Amino acid sequence: MNPTATPTAEANAEVDWSSKVRIGSPKTATPVQGRRAFFNYKDLGIKAASQGRLSANFIDVTQGLSEPTGWHYHVCEAQFVYITYGWVVLQFEDGSTRKVSQGQTLYIEGGVRHNEISTSETFGYLEVFLPADMKTVACDPPEGWVDSEVQTIE
């Protein structure tokens, strides 16, 4: 098929469009079980539409962290986060401690150790994993870890 040609009605009828176009919002997303009990996870249907190539969830946090999550990493290619409201402070294995706030994004390559140490009382974010079926693995802090000052990026 010529990529610049307009598909015919017959060609469109043969295509499974549920795997090609997906529109979602927090209002239409499906609540799902997540990694933490006080996080409300909402599946945007991207995992199904992409046949597991990636996942996208809206997450609303109903209470701020009372203690760090503990050092961990994700078995995946990548994690992408967009903070919709509030903030989170994370420690990374490179020795940095960073605050990510409303309107900011965060990319973490799979396998990078990190630890969420504090959040605003409530916060929300869009989280995307590639591939969809990632795993979280608890781990020790980096050898010789020393707490560092929080870096706030404007």
C-alpha atoms as a PDB file:
ATOM      1  CA  MET A   1       0.000   0.000   0.000  1.00  0.00           C
ATOM      2  CA  ASN A   2       1.231   3.465  -0.851  1.00  0.00           C
ATOM      3  CA  PRO A   3       1.831   5.252   2.492  1.00  0.00           C
ATOM      4  CA  THR A   4       0.533   8.525   1.052  1.00  0.00           C
ATOM      5  CA  ALA A   5      -2.631   6.984  -0.367  1.00  0.00           C
ATOM      6  CA  THR A   6      -5.872   7.132   1.558  1.00  0.00           C
ATOM      7  CA  PRO A   7      -6.959   3.617   2.610  1.00  0.00           C
ATOM      8  CA  THR A   8     -10.182   2.338   1.107  1.00  0.00           C
ATOM      9  CA  ALA A   9     -13.172   1.425   3.263  1.00  0.00           C
ATOM     10  CA  GLU A  10     -12.464  -2.258   2.536  1.00  0.00           C
ATOM     11  CA  ALA A  11      -8.856  -1.931   3.704  1.00  0.00           C
ATOM     12  CA  ASN A  12      -9.959  -0.134   6.881  1.00  0.00           C
ATOM     13  CA  ALA A  13     -12.524  -2.839   7.610  1.00  0.00           C
ATOM     14  CA  GLU A  14      -9.755  -5.478   7.638  1.00  0.00           C
ATOM     15  CA  VAL A  15      -7.604  -3.608  10.168  1.00  0.00           C
ATOM     16  CA  ASP A  16      -7.907  -4.145  13.935  1.00  0.00           C
ATOM     17  CA  TRP A  17      -7.946  -0.462  14.878  1.00  0.00           C
ATOM     18  CA  SER A  18      -8.057  -1.224  18.629  1.00  0.00           C
ATOM     19  CA  SER A  19      -4.329  -1.969  18.372  1.00  0.00           C
ATOM     20  CA  LYS A  20      -3.536   1.114  16.274  1.00  0.00           C
ATOM     21  CA  VAL A  21      -5.354   3.969  18.023  1.00  0.00           C
ATOM     22  CA  ARG A  22      -6.142   4.244  21.737  1.00  0.00           C
ATOM     23  CA  ILE A  23      -7.380   7.333  23.571  1.00  0.00           C
ATOM     24  CA  GLY A  24      -7.575   7.270  27.340  1.00  0.00           C
ATOM     25  CA  SER A  25      -7.996   9.533  30.330  1.00  0.00           C
ATOM     26  CA  PRO A  26      -8.064   9.118  34.098  1.00  0.00           C
ATOM     27  CA  LYS A  27     -11.885   9.162  33.888  1.00  0.00           C
ATOM     28  CA  THR A  28     -12.050   6.276  31.390  1.00  0.00           C
ATOM     29  CA  ALA A  29      -9.088   4.266  32.708  1.00  0.00           C
ATOM     30  CA  THR A  30      -9.614   0.935  34.498  1.00  0.00           C
ATOM     31  CA  PRO A  31      -8.528   0.682  38.159  1.00  0.00           C
ATOM     32  CA  VAL A  32      -5.900  -2.058  38.575  1.00  0.00           C
ATOM     33  CA  GLN A  33      -3.780  -3.566  41.343  1.00  0.00           C
ATOM     34  CA  GLY A  34      -0.426  -1.819  41.646  1.00  0.00           C
ATOM     35  CA  ARG A  35       2.866  -2.094  43.463  1.00  0.00           C
ATOM     36  CA  ARG A  36       1.794  -0.012  46.489  1.00  0.00           C
ATOM     37  CA  ALA A  37      -1.450  -0.137  48.465  1.00  0.00           C
ATOM     38  CA  PHE A  38      -1.824   3.643  48.912  1.00  0.00           C
ATOM     39  CA  PHE A  39      -1.345   4.337  45.183  1.00  0.00           C
ATOM     40  CA  ASN A  40      -4.441   4.242  42.972  1.00  0.00           C
ATOM     41  CA  TYR A  41      -3.404   2.779  39.610  1.00  0.00           C
ATOM     42  CA  LYS A  42      -5.522   3.367  36.497  1.00  0.00           C
ATOM     43  CA  ASP A  43      -4.716   1.377  33.344  1.00  0.00           C
ATOM     44  CA  LEU A  44      -5.080   3.435  30.163  1.00  0.00           C
ATOM     45  CA  GLY A  45      -5.423   0.328  27.964  1.00  0.00           C
ATOM     46  CA  ILE A  46      -2.089   0.854  26.223  1.00  0.00           C
ATOM     47  CA  LYS A  47      -0.726  -2.560  27.245  1.00  0.00           C
ATOM     48  CA  ALA A  48      -3.594  -4.311  25.458  1.00  0.00           C
ATOM     49  CA  ALA A  49      -3.542  -1.970  22.460  1.00  0.00           C
ATOM     50  CA  SER A  50       0.224  -2.391  21.988  1.00  0.00           C
ATOM     51  CA  GLN A  51       0.203  -6.161  22.563  1.00  0.00           C
ATOM     52  CA  GLY A  52       2.421  -5.651  25.615  1.00  0.00           C
ATOM     53  CA  ARG A  53       5.050  -3.455  23.977  1.00  0.00           C
ATOM     54  CA  LEU A  54       4.421  -0.750  26.578  1.00  0.00           C
ATOM     55  CA  SER A  55       2.086   0.154  29.420  1.00  0.00           C
ATOM     56  CA  ALA A  56       0.721   3.478  30.600  1.00  0.00           C
ATOM     57  CA  ASN A  57      -0.979   4.146  33.912  1.00  0.00           C
ATOM     58  CA  PHE A  58      -2.214   7.211  35.732  1.00  0.00           C
ATOM     59  CA  ILE A  59      -1.338   6.954  39.399  1.00  0.00           C
ATOM     60  CA  ASP A  60      -2.882   9.028  42.173  1.00  0.00           C
ATOM     61  CA  VAL A  61      -1.117   8.864  45.517  1.00  0.00           C
ATOM     62  CA  THR A  62      -3.580   9.202  48.374  1.00  0.00           C
ATOM     63  CA  GLN A  63      -1.043   9.704  51.164  1.00  0.00           C
ATOM     64  CA  GLY A  64       2.526  10.891  51.109  1.00  0.00           C
ATOM     65  CA  LEU A  65       5.340   8.439  51.756  1.00  0.00           C
ATOM     66  CA  SER A  66       5.824   7.919  55.491  1.00  0.00           C
ATOM     67  CA  GLU A  67       9.105   6.092  54.821  1.00  0.00           C
ATOM     68  CA  PRO A  68      11.274   5.434  51.761  1.00  0.00           C
ATOM     69  CA  THR A  69      10.205   2.694  49.363  1.00  0.00           C
ATOM     70  CA  GLY A  70      13.582   1.021  49.653  1.00  0.00           C
ATOM     71  CA  TRP A  71      16.223   0.644  46.985  1.00  0.00           C
ATOM     72  CA  HIS A  72      15.020  -1.181  43.900  1.00  0.00           C
ATOM     73  CA  TYR A  73      15.311  -1.344  40.142  1.00  0.00           C
ATOM     74  CA  HIS A  74      12.970  -2.309  37.341  1.00  0.00           C
ATOM     75  CA  VAL A  75      13.570  -5.122  34.890  1.00  0.00           C
ATOM     76  CA  CYS A  76      12.528  -3.298  31.712  1.00  0.00           C
ATOM     77  CA  GLU A  77      14.015  -1.219  28.933  1.00  0.00           C
ATOM     78  CA  ALA A  78      12.774   2.079  30.330  1.00  0.00           C
ATOM     79  CA  GLN A  79      10.440   3.881  32.718  1.00  0.00           C
ATOM     80  CA  PHE A  80       9.051   7.321  31.876  1.00  0.00           C
ATOM     81  CA  VAL A  81       7.155   9.486  34.369  1.00  0.00           C
ATOM     82  CA  TYR A  82       5.273  12.789  33.929  1.00  0.00           C
ATOM     83  CA  ILE A  83       4.259  14.435  37.232  1.00  0.00           C
ATOM     84  CA  THR A  84       0.725  15.842  36.904  1.00  0.00           C
ATOM     85  CA  TYR A  85       0.573  17.320  40.411  1.00  0.00           C
ATOM     86  CA  GLY A  86       2.684  17.312  43.564  1.00  0.00           C
ATOM     87  CA  TRP A  87       6.288  16.092  43.799  1.00  0.00           C
ATOM     88  CA  VAL A  88       8.537  13.145  44.615  1.00  0.00           C
ATOM     89  CA  VAL A  89      12.158  12.986  45.827  1.00  0.00           C
ATOM     90  CA  LEU A  90      14.310  10.097  44.610  1.00  0.00           C
ATOM     91  CA  GLN A  91      17.835   8.888  45.281  1.00  0.00           C
ATOM     92  CA  PHE A  92      19.794   7.370  42.390  1.00  0.00           C
ATOM     93  CA  GLU A  93      22.753   5.038  42.309  1.00  0.00           C
ATOM     94  CA  ASP A  94      24.939   7.801  40.806  1.00  0.00           C
ATOM     95  CA  GLY A  95      24.858   9.468  44.256  1.00  0.00           C
ATOM     96  CA  SER A  96      22.297  12.152  43.381  1.00  0.00           C
ATOM     97  CA  THR A  97      19.058  12.982  45.161  1.00  0.00           C
ATOM     98  CA  ARG A  98      16.524  14.739  42.934  1.00  0.00           C
ATOM     99  CA  LYS A  99      13.114  16.341  43.399  1.00  0.00           C
ATOM    100  CA  VAL A 100      10.728  15.985  40.444  1.00  0.00           C
ATOM    101  CA  SER A 101       7.680  18.276  40.520  1.00  0.00           C
ATOM    102  CA  GLN A 102       4.437  19.047  38.692  1.00  0.00           C
ATOM    103  CA  GLY A 103       4.962  19.467  34.955  1.00  0.00           C
ATOM    104  CA  GLN A 104       8.342  17.726  34.956  1.00  0.00           C
ATOM    105  CA  THR A 105       9.352  14.408  33.425  1.00  0.00           C
ATOM    106  CA  LEU A 106      11.635  11.651  34.592  1.00  0.00           C
ATOM    107  CA  TYR A 107      13.301   8.933  32.509  1.00  0.00           C
ATOM    108  CA  ILE A 108      14.940   5.956  34.227  1.00  0.00           C
ATOM    109  CA  GLU A 109      16.684   3.335  32.146  1.00  0.00           C
ATOM    110  CA  GLY A 110      15.886  -0.238  33.170  1.00  0.00           C
ATOM    111  CA  GLY A 111      18.242  -1.613  35.821  1.00  0.00           C
ATOM    112  CA  VAL A 112      19.080   1.774  37.384  1.00  0.00           C
ATOM    113  CA  ARG A 113      18.802   1.490  41.169  1.00  0.00           C
ATOM    114  CA  HIS A 114      16.714   4.155  42.871  1.00  0.00           C
ATOM    115  CA  ASN A 115      14.765   4.853  46.057  1.00  0.00           C
ATOM    116  CA  GLU A 116      11.752   7.151  46.502  1.00  0.00           C
ATOM    117  CA  ILE A 117      12.381   8.876  49.817  1.00  0.00           C
ATOM    118  CA  SER A 118       9.572  11.442  50.117  1.00  0.00           C
ATOM    119  CA  THR A 119       6.542  12.880  48.350  1.00  0.00           C
ATOM    120  CA  SER A 120       4.039  15.651  48.731  1.00  0.00           C
ATOM    121  CA  GLU A 121       0.990  14.573  50.745  1.00  0.00           C
ATOM    122  CA  THR A 122      -0.823  13.840  47.482  1.00  0.00           C
ATOM    123  CA  PHE A 123       0.614  13.589  44.016  1.00  0.00           C
ATOM    124  CA  GLY A 124      -0.214  12.157  40.639  1.00  0.00           C
ATOM    125  CA  TYR A 125       1.715  11.011  37.632  1.00  0.00           C
ATOM    126  CA  LEU A 126       1.588   9.251  34.304  1.00  0.00           C
ATOM    127  CA  GLU A 127       3.925   6.258  34.230  1.00  0.00           C
ATOM    128  CA  VAL A 128       4.995   4.427  31.066  1.00  0.00           C
ATOM    129  CA  PHE A 129       7.010   1.199  30.992  1.00  0.00           C
ATOM    130  CA  LEU A 130       8.670  -0.410  28.008  1.00  0.00           C
ATOM    131  CA  PRO A 131       7.886  -3.294  27.753  1.00  0.00           C
ATOM    132  CA  ALA A 132       4.609  -3.482  29.651  1.00  0.00           C
ATOM    133  CA  ASP A 133       5.478  -6.556  31.714  1.00  0.00           C
ATOM    134  CA  MET A 134       8.234  -5.099  33.852  1.00  0.00           C
ATOM    135  CA  LYS A 135       9.322  -6.425  37.222  1.00  0.00           C
ATOM    136  CA  THR A 136      10.477  -4.579  40.345  1.00  0.00           C
ATOM    137  CA  VAL A 137      13.460  -6.047  42.213  1.00  0.00           C
ATOM    138  CA  ALA A 138      14.441  -4.963  45.726  1.00  0.00           C
ATOM    139  CA  CYS A 139      18.187  -4.412  46.112  1.00  0.00           C
ATOM    140  CA  ASP A 140      20.825  -3.051  48.457  1.00  0.00           C
ATOM    141  CA  PRO A 141      21.844   0.611  48.252  1.00  0.00           C
ATOM    142  CA  PRO A 142      24.923   1.270  46.136  1.00  0.00           C
ATOM    143  CA  GLU A 143      28.161   0.391  47.923  1.00  0.00           C
ATOM    144  CA  GLY A 144      29.377   3.347  49.968  1.00  0.00           C
ATOM    145  CA  TRP A 145      26.037   5.209  49.606  1.00  0.00           C
ATOM    146  CA  VAL A 146      25.988   8.588  51.381  1.00  0.00           C
ATOM    147  CA  ASP A 147      22.848  10.765  51.464  1.00  0.00           C
ATOM    148  CA  SER A 148      23.206  13.889  49.345  1.00  0.00           C
ATOM    149  CA  GLU A 149      21.458  17.258  49.142  1.00  0.00           C
ATOM    150  CA  VAL A 150      18.253  17.339  47.146  1.00  0.00           C
ATOM    151  CA  GLN A 151      18.700  18.809  43.654  1.00  0.00           C
ATOM    152  CA  THR A 152      15.647  20.706  42.463  1.00  0.00           C
ATOM    153  CA  ILE A 153      15.532  21.176  38.699  1.00  0.00           C
ATOM    154  CA  GLU A 154      13.429  24.134  37.551  1.00  0.00           C
END
